Amino acid sequence: MRRLGMKCCVFVATFLAVGVFAVEPAFSDSDTDETASRYRYDDIGRFFLSYDRFLQTGDESAFQSYLDEGTTGLGDFQEQFALTPDYLAETVRTYPAFFGSLRNLES
């Protein structure tokens, strides 16, 4: 359980820091400026669609489309921290008040 807690803290800190992994590079083939980036908020709406589906069904697979259709930033985070639908479901079950309070990030 301790490992879940640490992983959850990393997830939550990243969630808050970048708006659900909303920052990703905005490079084209001709771009060389590595400081150029754009803020993406696509993952926030997708997260809450999956979150609501999970609350209705209790099925961990509700988070699969969130992960599959995520931005590059979410994909990178998913790879680095082995983020899975099961892990997201367990985190939401463990911290329901926290996730319920995040709804204002959508706007």
PDB file of N, CA and C in Angstrom:
ATOM      1  N   MET A   1       0.821  -1.190   0.000  1.00  0.00           N
ATOM      2  CA  MET A   1       0.000   0.000   0.000  1.00  0.00           C
ATOM      3  C   MET A   1       0.865   1.255   0.000  1.00  0.00           C
ATOM      4  N   ARG A   2       2.049   1.177   0.614  1.00  0.00           N
ATOM      5  CA  ARG A   2       2.935   2.332   0.655  1.00  0.00           C
ATOM      6  C   ARG A   2       3.358   2.741  -0.752  1.00  0.00           C
ATOM      7  N   ARG A   3       3.613   1.766  -1.622  1.00  0.00           N
ATOM      8  CA  ARG A   3       4.014   2.069  -2.990  1.00  0.00           C
ATOM      9  C   ARG A   3       2.899   2.809  -3.722  1.00  0.00           C
ATOM     10  N   LEU A   4       1.661   2.384  -3.531  1.00  0.00           N
ATOM     11  CA  LEU A   4       0.526   3.054  -4.139  1.00  0.00           C
ATOM     12  C   LEU A   4       0.457   4.499  -3.661  1.00  0.00           C
ATOM     13  N   GLY A   5       0.701   4.723  -2.375  1.00  0.00           N
ATOM     14  CA  GLY A   5       0.661   6.077  -1.832  1.00  0.00           C
ATOM     15  C   GLY A   5       1.707   6.976  -2.470  1.00  0.00           C
ATOM     16  N   MET A   6       2.929   6.493  -2.624  1.00  0.00           N
ATOM     17  CA  MET A   6       3.990   7.292  -3.229  1.00  0.00           C
ATOM     18  C   MET A   6       3.691   7.560  -4.688  1.00  0.00           C
ATOM     19  N   LYS A   7       3.264   6.547  -5.404  1.00  0.00           N
ATOM     20  CA  LYS A   7       2.928   6.711  -6.810  1.00  0.00           C
ATOM     21  C   LYS A   7       1.776   7.695  -6.968  1.00  0.00           C
ATOM     22  N   CYS A   8       0.817   7.616  -6.069  1.00  0.00           N
ATOM     23  CA  CYS A   8      -0.325   8.513  -6.116  1.00  0.00           C
ATOM     24  C   CYS A   8       0.121   9.952  -5.872  1.00  0.00           C
ATOM     25  N   CYS A   9       1.028  10.164  -4.929  1.00  0.00           N
ATOM     26  CA  CYS A   9       1.525  11.517  -4.669  1.00  0.00           C
ATOM     27  C   CYS A   9       2.199  12.099  -5.899  1.00  0.00           C
ATOM     28  N   VAL A  10       2.990  11.293  -6.594  1.00  0.00           N
ATOM     29  CA  VAL A  10       3.638  11.743  -7.824  1.00  0.00           C
ATOM     30  C   VAL A  10       2.580  12.071  -8.870  1.00  0.00           C
ATOM     31  N   PHE A  11       1.590  11.193  -9.013  1.00  0.00           N
ATOM     32  CA  PHE A  11       0.514  11.417  -9.980  1.00  0.00           C
ATOM     33  C   PHE A  11      -0.233  12.708  -9.670  1.00  0.00           C
ATOM     34  N   VAL A  12      -0.624  12.891  -8.406  1.00  0.00           N
ATOM     35  CA  VAL A  12      -1.405  14.064  -8.011  1.00  0.00           C
ATOM     36  C   VAL A  12      -0.585  15.330  -8.183  1.00  0.00           C
ATOM     37  N   ALA A  13       0.671  15.307  -7.801  1.00  0.00           N
ATOM     38  CA  ALA A  13       1.523  16.487  -7.953  1.00  0.00           C
ATOM     39  C   ALA A  13       1.651  16.876  -9.425  1.00  0.00           C
ATOM     40  N   THR A  14       1.835  15.906 -10.272  1.00  0.00           N
ATOM     41  CA  THR A  14       1.933  16.187 -11.703  1.00  0.00           C
ATOM     42  C   THR A  14       0.594  16.656 -12.235  1.00  0.00           C
ATOM     43  N   PHE A  15      -0.469  16.029 -11.796  1.00  0.00           N
ATOM     44  CA  PHE A  15      -1.829  16.387 -12.208  1.00  0.00           C
ATOM     45  C   PHE A  15      -2.068  17.870 -11.942  1.00  0.00           C
ATOM     46  N   LEU A  16      -1.717  18.325 -10.739  1.00  0.00           N
ATOM     47  CA  LEU A  16      -1.935  19.720 -10.382  1.00  0.00           C
ATOM     48  C   LEU A  16      -0.948  20.656 -11.063  1.00  0.00           C
ATOM     49  N   ALA A  17       0.287  20.237 -11.193  1.00  0.00           N
ATOM     50  CA  ALA A  17       1.323  21.111 -11.728  1.00  0.00           C
ATOM     51  C   ALA A  17       1.127  21.431 -13.200  1.00  0.00           C
ATOM     52  N   VAL A  18       0.671  20.492 -13.979  1.00  0.00           N
ATOM     53  CA  VAL A  18       0.569  20.754 -15.422  1.00  0.00           C
ATOM     54  C   VAL A  18      -0.840  20.579 -15.966  1.00  0.00           C
ATOM     55  N   GLY A  19      -1.829  20.622 -15.109  1.00  0.00           N
ATOM     56  CA  GLY A  19      -3.201  20.549 -15.600  1.00  0.00           C
ATOM     57  C   GLY A  19      -3.488  19.259 -16.343  1.00  0.00           C
ATOM     58  N   VAL A  20      -3.274  18.166 -15.705  1.00  0.00           N
ATOM     59  CA  VAL A  20      -3.489  16.845 -16.293  1.00  0.00           C
ATOM     60  C   VAL A  20      -2.626  16.678 -17.538  1.00  0.00           C
ATOM     61  N   PHE A  21      -1.358  16.897 -17.370  1.00  0.00           N
ATOM     62  CA  PHE A  21      -0.377  16.641 -18.430  1.00  0.00           C
ATOM     63  C   PHE A  21      -0.664  17.478 -19.667  1.00  0.00           C
ATOM     64  N   ALA A  22      -0.959  18.764 -19.453  1.00  0.00           N
ATOM     65  CA  ALA A  22      -1.439  19.601 -20.541  1.00  0.00           C
ATOM     66  C   ALA A  22      -0.335  20.320 -21.302  1.00  0.00           C
ATOM     67  N   VAL A  23       0.908  20.127 -20.970  1.00  0.00           N
ATOM     68  CA  VAL A  23       1.979  20.819 -21.682  1.00  0.00           C
ATOM     69  C   VAL A  23       2.678  19.819 -22.596  1.00  0.00           C
ATOM     70  N   GLU A  24       2.816  20.194 -23.830  1.00  0.00           N
ATOM     71  CA  GLU A  24       3.580  19.328 -24.723  1.00  0.00           C
ATOM     72  C   GLU A  24       4.328  20.200 -25.726  1.00  0.00           C
ATOM     73  N   PRO A  25       5.446  19.726 -26.232  1.00  0.00           N
ATOM     74  CA  PRO A  25       6.204  20.506 -27.197  1.00  0.00           C
ATOM     75  C   PRO A  25       5.371  20.806 -28.433  1.00  0.00           C
ATOM     76  N   ALA A  26       5.647  21.962 -29.003  1.00  0.00           N
ATOM     77  CA  ALA A  26       4.928  22.368 -30.213  1.00  0.00           C
ATOM     78  C   ALA A  26       5.924  22.520 -31.354  1.00  0.00           C
ATOM     79  N   PHE A  27       6.635  21.458 -31.667  1.00  0.00           N
ATOM     80  CA  PHE A  27       7.671  21.510 -32.688  1.00  0.00           C
ATOM     81  C   PHE A  27       7.137  21.046 -34.026  1.00  0.00           C
ATOM     82  N   SER A  28       7.572  21.698 -35.061  1.00  0.00           N
ATOM     83  CA  SER A  28       7.350  21.164 -36.396  1.00  0.00           C
ATOM     84  C   SER A  28       8.708  20.677 -36.883  1.00  0.00           C
ATOM     85  N   ASP A  29       8.765  20.133 -38.066  1.00  0.00           N
ATOM     86  CA  ASP A  29      10.048  19.647 -38.583  1.00  0.00           C
ATOM     87  C   ASP A  29      11.074  20.764 -38.688  1.00  0.00           C
ATOM     88  N   SER A  30      10.602  21.979 -38.902  1.00  0.00           N
ATOM     89  CA  SER A  30      11.545  23.077 -39.085  1.00  0.00           C
ATOM     90  C   SER A  30      11.867  23.802 -37.785  1.00  0.00           C
ATOM     91  N   ASP A  31      11.164  23.493 -36.704  1.00  0.00           N
ATOM     92  CA  ASP A  31      11.429  24.164 -35.429  1.00  0.00           C
ATOM     93  C   ASP A  31      12.721  23.664 -34.809  1.00  0.00           C
ATOM     94  N   THR A  32      13.483  24.594 -34.281  1.00  0.00           N
ATOM     95  CA  THR A  32      14.680  24.216 -33.545  1.00  0.00           C
ATOM     96  C   THR A  32      14.680  24.840 -32.157  1.00  0.00           C
ATOM     97  N   ASP A  33      13.686  25.663 -31.846  1.00  0.00           N
ATOM     98  CA  ASP A  33      13.602  26.320 -30.555  1.00  0.00           C
ATOM     99  C   ASP A  33      12.983  25.357 -29.547  1.00  0.00           C
ATOM    100  N   GLU A  34      13.818  24.769 -28.703  1.00  0.00           N
ATOM    101  CA  GLU A  34      13.335  23.783 -27.747  1.00  0.00           C
ATOM    102  C   GLU A  34      12.528  24.408 -26.622  1.00  0.00           C
ATOM    103  N   THR A  35      12.531  25.756 -26.515  1.00  0.00           N
ATOM    104  CA  THR A  35      11.754  26.397 -25.464  1.00  0.00           C
ATOM    105  C   THR A  35      10.310  26.623 -25.899  1.00  0.00           C
ATOM    106  N   ALA A  36      10.018  26.424 -27.180  1.00  0.00           N
ATOM    107  CA  ALA A  36       8.655  26.605 -27.666  1.00  0.00           C
ATOM    108  C   ALA A  36       7.781  25.459 -27.176  1.00  0.00           C
ATOM    109  N   SER A  37       6.668  25.795 -26.592  1.00  0.00           N
ATOM    110  CA  SER A  37       5.718  24.768 -26.163  1.00  0.00           C
ATOM    111  C   SER A  37       4.329  25.377 -26.186  1.00  0.00           C
ATOM    112  N   ARG A  38       3.344  24.522 -26.108  1.00  0.00           N
ATOM    113  CA  ARG A  38       1.975  25.021 -26.042  1.00  0.00           C
ATOM    114  C   ARG A  38       1.274  24.265 -24.917  1.00  0.00           C
ATOM    115  N   TYR A  39       0.304  24.908 -24.378  1.00  0.00           N
ATOM    116  CA  TYR A  39      -0.475  24.286 -23.322  1.00  0.00           C
ATOM    117  C   TYR A  39      -1.662  23.579 -23.942  1.00  0.00           C
ATOM    118  N   ARG A  40      -1.834  22.331 -23.591  1.00  0.00           N
ATOM    119  CA  ARG A  40      -2.930  21.509 -24.097  1.00  0.00           C
ATOM    120  C   ARG A  40      -3.795  21.124 -22.916  1.00  0.00           C
ATOM    121  N   TYR A  41      -5.076  21.273 -23.085  1.00  0.00           N
ATOM    122  CA  TYR A  41      -6.005  20.933 -22.019  1.00  0.00           C
ATOM    123  C   TYR A  41      -6.928  19.786 -22.424  1.00  0.00           C
ATOM    124  N   ASP A  42      -6.644  19.170 -23.544  1.00  0.00           N
ATOM    125  CA  ASP A  42      -7.463  18.076 -24.066  1.00  0.00           C
ATOM    126  C   ASP A  42      -7.619  16.942 -23.051  1.00  0.00           C
ATOM    127  N   ASP A  43      -6.558  16.655 -22.332  1.00  0.00           N
ATOM    128  CA  ASP A  43      -6.573  15.532 -21.399  1.00  0.00           C
ATOM    129  C   ASP A  43      -7.524  15.772 -20.223  1.00  0.00           C
ATOM    130  N   ILE A  44      -7.746  17.024 -19.873  1.00  0.00           N
ATOM    131  CA  ILE A  44      -8.611  17.312 -18.723  1.00  0.00           C
ATOM    132  C   ILE A  44     -10.041  16.861 -19.012  1.00  0.00           C
ATOM    133  N   GLY A  45     -10.583  17.297 -20.125  1.00  0.00           N
ATOM    134  CA  GLY A  45     -11.945  16.899 -20.481  1.00  0.00           C
ATOM    135  C   GLY A  45     -12.063  15.401 -20.658  1.00  0.00           C
ATOM    136  N   ARG A  46     -11.062  14.798 -21.289  1.00  0.00           N
ATOM    137  CA  ARG A  46     -11.060  13.354 -21.499  1.00  0.00           C
ATOM    138  C   ARG A  46     -10.985  12.601 -20.163  1.00  0.00           C
ATOM    139  N   PHE A  47     -10.198  13.147 -19.227  1.00  0.00           N
ATOM    140  CA  PHE A  47     -10.119  12.520 -17.908  1.00  0.00           C
ATOM    141  C   PHE A  47     -11.496  12.509 -17.248  1.00  0.00           C
ATOM    142  N   PHE A  48     -12.185  13.656 -17.270  1.00  0.00           N
ATOM    143  CA  PHE A  48     -13.463  13.725 -16.579  1.00  0.00           C
ATOM    144  C   PHE A  48     -14.549  12.891 -17.259  1.00  0.00           C
ATOM    145  N   LEU A  49     -14.477  12.724 -18.559  1.00  0.00           N
ATOM    146  CA  LEU A  49     -15.407  11.791 -19.222  1.00  0.00           C
ATOM    147  C   LEU A  49     -15.177  10.371 -18.703  1.00  0.00           C
ATOM    148  N   SER A  50     -13.912   9.989 -18.618  1.00  0.00           N
ATOM    149  CA  SER A  50     -13.567   8.656 -18.117  1.00  0.00           C
ATOM    150  C   SER A  50     -13.895   8.529 -16.635  1.00  0.00           C
ATOM    151  N   TYR A  51     -13.612   9.569 -15.878  1.00  0.00           N
ATOM    152  CA  TYR A  51     -13.890   9.595 -14.441  1.00  0.00           C
ATOM    153  C   TYR A  51     -15.387   9.399 -14.189  1.00  0.00           C
ATOM    154  N   ASP A  52     -16.210  10.156 -14.912  1.00  0.00           N
ATOM    155  CA  ASP A  52     -17.663  10.028 -14.752  1.00  0.00           C
ATOM    156  C   ASP A  52     -18.149   8.630 -15.133  1.00  0.00           C
ATOM    157  N   ARG A  53     -17.607   8.093 -16.218  1.00  0.00           N
ATOM    158  CA  ARG A  53     -17.958   6.739 -16.642  1.00  0.00           C
ATOM    159  C   ARG A  53     -17.563   5.726 -15.562  1.00  0.00           C
ATOM    160  N   PHE A  54     -16.391   5.917 -14.975  1.00  0.00           N
ATOM    161  CA  PHE A  54     -15.939   5.029 -13.908  1.00  0.00           C
ATOM    162  C   PHE A  54     -16.859   5.120 -12.695  1.00  0.00           C
ATOM    163  N   LEU A  55     -17.261   6.343 -12.305  1.00  0.00           N
ATOM    164  CA  LEU A  55     -18.150   6.495 -11.157  1.00  0.00           C
ATOM    165  C   LEU A  55     -19.498   5.820 -11.402  1.00  0.00           C
ATOM    166  N   GLN A  56     -19.958   5.844 -12.650  1.00  0.00           N
ATOM    167  CA  GLN A  56     -21.243   5.223 -12.974  1.00  0.00           C
ATOM    168  C   GLN A  56     -21.152   3.696 -13.012  1.00  0.00           C
ATOM    169  N   THR A  57     -20.070   3.181 -13.538  1.00  0.00           N
ATOM    170  CA  THR A  57     -19.976   1.733 -13.784  1.00  0.00           C
ATOM    171  C   THR A  57     -19.094   0.992 -12.785  1.00  0.00           C
ATOM    172  N   GLY A  58     -18.101   1.686 -12.204  1.00  0.00           N
ATOM    173  CA  GLY A  58     -17.137   1.028 -11.336  1.00  0.00           C
ATOM    174  C   GLY A  58     -16.129   0.186 -12.102  1.00  0.00           C
ATOM    175  N   ASP A  59     -16.155   0.303 -13.422  1.00  0.00           N
ATOM    176  CA  ASP A  59     -15.297  -0.507 -14.287  1.00  0.00           C
ATOM    177  C   ASP A  59     -13.995   0.243 -14.590  1.00  0.00           C
ATOM    178  N   GLU A  60     -12.876  -0.372 -14.209  1.00  0.00           N
ATOM    179  CA  GLU A  60     -11.557   0.239 -14.417  1.00  0.00           C
ATOM    180  C   GLU A  60     -11.283   0.581 -15.878  1.00  0.00           C
ATOM    181  N   SER A  61     -11.858  -0.189 -16.778  1.00  0.00           N
ATOM    182  CA  SER A  61     -11.594   0.043 -18.205  1.00  0.00           C
ATOM    183  C   SER A  61     -12.143   1.381 -18.687  1.00  0.00           C
ATOM    184  N   ALA A  62     -12.927   2.060 -17.854  1.00  0.00           N
ATOM    185  CA  ALA A  62     -13.422   3.393 -18.214  1.00  0.00           C
ATOM    186  C   ALA A  62     -12.264   4.360 -18.475  1.00  0.00           C
ATOM    187  N   PHE A  63     -11.113   4.112 -17.861  1.00  0.00           N
ATOM    188  CA  PHE A  63      -9.960   4.994 -18.038  1.00  0.00           C
ATOM    189  C   PHE A  63      -9.112   4.658 -19.272  1.00  0.00           C
ATOM    190  N   GLN A  64      -9.432   3.568 -19.948  1.00  0.00           N
ATOM    191  CA  GLN A  64      -8.613   3.157 -21.092  1.00  0.00           C
ATOM    192  C   GLN A  64      -8.636   4.189 -22.212  1.00  0.00           C
ATOM    193  N   SER A  65      -9.794   4.741 -22.545  1.00  0.00           N
ATOM    194  CA  SER A  65      -9.862   5.727 -23.632  1.00  0.00           C
ATOM    195  C   SER A  65      -9.113   7.006 -23.258  1.00  0.00           C
ATOM    196  N   TYR A  66      -9.140   7.370 -21.970  1.00  0.00           N
ATOM    197  CA  TYR A  66      -8.366   8.532 -21.511  1.00  0.00           C
ATOM    198  C   TYR A  66      -6.887   8.334 -21.813  1.00  0.00           C
ATOM    199  N   LEU A  67      -6.384   7.155 -21.520  1.00  0.00           N
ATOM    200  CA  LEU A  67      -4.971   6.879 -21.762  1.00  0.00           C
ATOM    201  C   LEU A  67      -4.670   6.694 -23.248  1.00  0.00           C
ATOM    202  N   ASP A  68      -5.537   5.998 -23.965  1.00  0.00           N
ATOM    203  CA  ASP A  68      -5.304   5.720 -25.385  1.00  0.00           C
ATOM    204  C   ASP A  68      -5.338   6.982 -26.246  1.00  0.00           C
ATOM    205  N   GLU A  69      -6.200   7.912 -25.912  1.00  0.00           N
ATOM    206  CA  GLU A  69      -6.392   9.103 -26.738  1.00  0.00           C
ATOM    207  C   GLU A  69      -5.664  10.320 -26.191  1.00  0.00           C
ATOM    208  N   GLY A  70      -4.817  10.128 -25.205  1.00  0.00           N
ATOM    209  CA  GLY A  70      -4.140  11.238 -24.539  1.00  0.00           C
ATOM    210  C   GLY A  70      -3.111  11.944 -25.401  1.00  0.00           C
ATOM    211  N   THR A  71      -2.702  13.110 -24.920  1.00  0.00           N
ATOM    212  CA  THR A  71      -1.681  13.902 -25.591  1.00  0.00           C
ATOM    213  C   THR A  71      -0.317  13.217 -25.443  1.00  0.00           C
ATOM    214  N   THR A  72       0.648  13.751 -26.136  1.00  0.00           N
ATOM    215  CA  THR A  72       2.014  13.242 -26.040  1.00  0.00           C
ATOM    216  C   THR A  72       2.509  13.310 -24.599  1.00  0.00           C
ATOM    217  N   GLY A  73       2.184  14.387 -23.906  1.00  0.00           N
ATOM    218  CA  GLY A  73       2.607  14.539 -22.513  1.00  0.00           C
ATOM    219  C   GLY A  73       2.040  13.453 -21.622  1.00  0.00           C
ATOM    220  N   LEU A  74       0.775  13.128 -21.806  1.00  0.00           N
ATOM    221  CA  LEU A  74       0.163  12.052 -21.029  1.00  0.00           C
ATOM    222  C   LEU A  74       0.805  10.717 -21.381  1.00  0.00           C
ATOM    223  N   GLY A  75       1.072  10.496 -22.663  1.00  0.00           N
ATOM    224  CA  GLY A  75       1.729   9.259 -23.087  1.00  0.00           C
ATOM    225  C   GLY A  75       3.097   9.107 -22.459  1.00  0.00           C
ATOM    226  N   ASP A  76       3.859  10.204 -22.413  1.00  0.00           N
ATOM    227  CA  ASP A  76       5.182  10.162 -21.779  1.00  0.00           C
ATOM    228  C   ASP A  76       5.062   9.838 -20.294  1.00  0.00           C
ATOM    229  N   PHE A  77       4.101  10.481 -19.625  1.00  0.00           N
ATOM    230  CA  PHE A  77       3.896  10.233 -18.208  1.00  0.00           C
ATOM    231  C   PHE A  77       3.459   8.789 -17.976  1.00  0.00           C
ATOM    232  N   GLN A  78       2.587   8.310 -18.841  1.00  0.00           N
ATOM    233  CA  GLN A  78       2.089   6.935 -18.739  1.00  0.00           C
ATOM    234  C   GLN A  78       3.242   5.939 -18.834  1.00  0.00           C
ATOM    235  N   GLU A  79       4.148   6.177 -19.756  1.00  0.00           N
ATOM    236  CA  GLU A  79       5.311   5.294 -19.905  1.00  0.00           C
ATOM    237  C   GLU A  79       6.227   5.352 -18.692  1.00  0.00           C
ATOM    238  N   GLN A  80       6.517   6.568 -18.235  1.00  0.00           N
ATOM    239  CA  GLN A  80       7.471   6.733 -17.142  1.00  0.00           C
ATOM    240  C   GLN A  80       6.962   6.152 -15.832  1.00  0.00           C
ATOM    241  N   PHE A  81       5.660   6.274 -15.578  1.00  0.00           N
ATOM    242  CA  PHE A  81       5.124   5.844 -14.291  1.00  0.00           C
ATOM    243  C   PHE A  81       4.208   4.629 -14.393  1.00  0.00           C
ATOM    244  N   ALA A  82       4.219   3.949 -15.528  1.00  0.00           N
ATOM    245  CA  ALA A  82       3.412   2.741 -15.731  1.00  0.00           C
ATOM    246  C   ALA A  82       1.956   2.980 -15.348  1.00  0.00           C
ATOM    247  N   LEU A  83       1.415   4.085 -15.815  1.00  0.00           N
ATOM    248  CA  LEU A  83       0.036   4.458 -15.534  1.00  0.00           C
ATOM    249  C   LEU A  83      -0.904   3.530 -16.296  1.00  0.00           C
ATOM    250  N   THR A  84      -1.832   2.917 -15.577  1.00  0.00           N
ATOM    251  CA  THR A  84      -2.767   1.963 -16.172  1.00  0.00           C
ATOM    252  C   THR A  84      -4.188   2.326 -15.738  1.00  0.00           C
ATOM    253  N   PRO A  85      -5.196   1.817 -16.441  1.00  0.00           N
ATOM    254  CA  PRO A  85      -6.574   2.042 -16.000  1.00  0.00           C
ATOM    255  C   PRO A  85      -6.812   1.522 -14.573  1.00  0.00           C
ATOM    256  N   ASP A  86      -6.236   0.377 -14.239  1.00  0.00           N
ATOM    257  CA  ASP A  86      -6.395  -0.177 -12.895  1.00  0.00           C
ATOM    258  C   ASP A  86      -5.806   0.749 -11.833  1.00  0.00           C
ATOM    259  N   TYR A  87      -4.641   1.305 -12.138  1.00  0.00           N
ATOM    260  CA  TYR A  87      -3.996   2.217 -11.191  1.00  0.00           C
ATOM    261  C   TYR A  87      -4.844   3.479 -11.002  1.00  0.00           C
ATOM    262  N   LEU A  88      -5.339   4.044 -12.096  1.00  0.00           N
ATOM    263  CA  LEU A  88      -6.185   5.235 -11.984  1.00  0.00           C
ATOM    264  C   LEU A  88      -7.437   4.936 -11.168  1.00  0.00           C
ATOM    265  N   ALA A  89      -8.068   3.809 -11.425  1.00  0.00           N
ATOM    266  CA  ALA A  89      -9.276   3.429 -10.685  1.00  0.00           C
ATOM    267  C   ALA A  89      -8.975   3.300  -9.189  1.00  0.00           C
ATOM    268  N   GLU A  90      -7.883   2.638  -8.853  1.00  0.00           N
ATOM    269  CA  GLU A  90      -7.514   2.475  -7.450  1.00  0.00           C
ATOM    270  C   GLU A  90      -7.226   3.824  -6.793  1.00  0.00           C
ATOM    271  N   THR A  91      -6.578   4.723  -7.522  1.00  0.00           N
ATOM    272  CA  THR A  91      -6.275   6.049  -6.991  1.00  0.00           C
ATOM    273  C   THR A  91      -7.560   6.831  -6.753  1.00  0.00           C
ATOM    274  N   VAL A  92      -8.497   6.771  -7.677  1.00  0.00           N
ATOM    275  CA  VAL A  92      -9.785   7.459  -7.510  1.00  0.00           C
ATOM    276  C   VAL A  92     -10.549   6.857  -6.330  1.00  0.00           C
ATOM    277  N   ARG A  93     -10.499   5.551  -6.182  1.00  0.00           N
ATOM    278  CA  ARG A  93     -11.170   4.903  -5.038  1.00  0.00           C
ATOM    279  C   ARG A  93     -10.529   5.316  -3.712  1.00  0.00           C
ATOM    280  N   THR A  94      -9.223   5.476  -3.716  1.00  0.00           N
ATOM    281  CA  THR A  94      -8.496   5.806  -2.493  1.00  0.00           C
ATOM    282  C   THR A  94      -8.681   7.268  -2.089  1.00  0.00           C
ATOM    283  N   TYR A  95      -8.805   8.156  -3.078  1.00  0.00           N
ATOM    284  CA  TYR A  95      -8.903   9.594  -2.814  1.00  0.00           C
ATOM    285  C   TYR A  95     -10.141  10.199  -3.484  1.00  0.00           C
ATOM    286  N   PRO A  96     -11.343   9.728  -3.146  1.00  0.00           N
ATOM    287  CA  PRO A  96     -12.538  10.208  -3.846  1.00  0.00           C
ATOM    288  C   PRO A  96     -12.808  11.697  -3.639  1.00  0.00           C
ATOM    289  N   ALA A  97     -12.586  12.212  -2.453  1.00  0.00           N
ATOM    290  CA  ALA A  97     -12.845  13.637  -2.198  1.00  0.00           C
ATOM    291  C   ALA A  97     -11.912  14.511  -3.025  1.00  0.00           C
ATOM    292  N   PHE A  98     -10.655  14.103  -3.111  1.00  0.00           N
ATOM    293  CA  PHE A  98      -9.695  14.883  -3.899  1.00  0.00           C
ATOM    294  C   PHE A  98     -10.124  14.959  -5.361  1.00  0.00           C
ATOM    295  N   PHE A  99     -10.435  13.819  -5.953  1.00  0.00           N
ATOM    296  CA  PHE A  99     -10.803  13.814  -7.365  1.00  0.00           C
ATOM    297  C   PHE A  99     -12.134  14.517  -7.594  1.00  0.00           C
ATOM    298  N   GLY A 100     -13.041  14.414  -6.649  1.00  0.00           N
ATOM    299  CA  GLY A 100     -14.304  15.141  -6.755  1.00  0.00           C
ATOM    300  C   GLY A 100     -14.101  16.646  -6.738  1.00  0.00           C
ATOM    301  N   SER A 101     -13.073  17.105  -6.042  1.00  0.00           N
ATOM    302  CA  SER A 101     -12.807  18.539  -5.937  1.00  0.00           C
ATOM    303  C   SER A 101     -12.101  19.114  -7.176  1.00  0.00           C
ATOM    304  N   LEU A 102     -11.637  18.259  -8.069  1.00  0.00           N
ATOM    305  CA  LEU A 102     -10.882  18.736  -9.240  1.00  0.00           C
ATOM    306  C   LEU A 102     -11.764  19.209 -10.383  1.00  0.00           C
ATOM    307  N   ARG A 103     -13.042  19.058 -10.272  1.00  0.00           N
ATOM    308  CA  ARG A 103     -13.946  19.394 -11.371  1.00  0.00           C
ATOM    309  C   ARG A 103     -13.739  20.828 -11.885  1.00  0.00           C
ATOM    310  N   ASN A 104     -13.344  21.754 -11.031  1.00  0.00           N
ATOM    311  CA  ASN A 104     -13.160  23.137 -11.476  1.00  0.00           C
ATOM    312  C   ASN A 104     -11.989  23.309 -12.443  1.00  0.00           C
ATOM    313  N   LEU A 105     -11.132  22.318 -12.595  1.00  0.00           N
ATOM    314  CA  LEU A 105     -10.043  22.400 -13.576  1.00  0.00           C
ATOM    315  C   LEU A 105     -10.561  22.328 -15.000  1.00  0.00           C
ATOM    316  N   GLU A 106     -11.759  21.813 -15.147  1.00  0.00           N
ATOM    317  CA  GLU A 106     -12.333  21.650 -16.473  1.00  0.00           C
ATOM    318  C   GLU A 106     -12.584  22.982 -17.171  1.00  0.00           C
ATOM    319  N   SER A 107     -12.919  24.007 -16.404  1.00  0.00           N
ATOM    320  CA  SER A 107     -13.279  25.293 -17.020  1.00  0.00           C
ATOM    321  C   SER A 107     -12.101  26.194 -17.265  1.00  0.00           C
TER     322      SER A 107
END
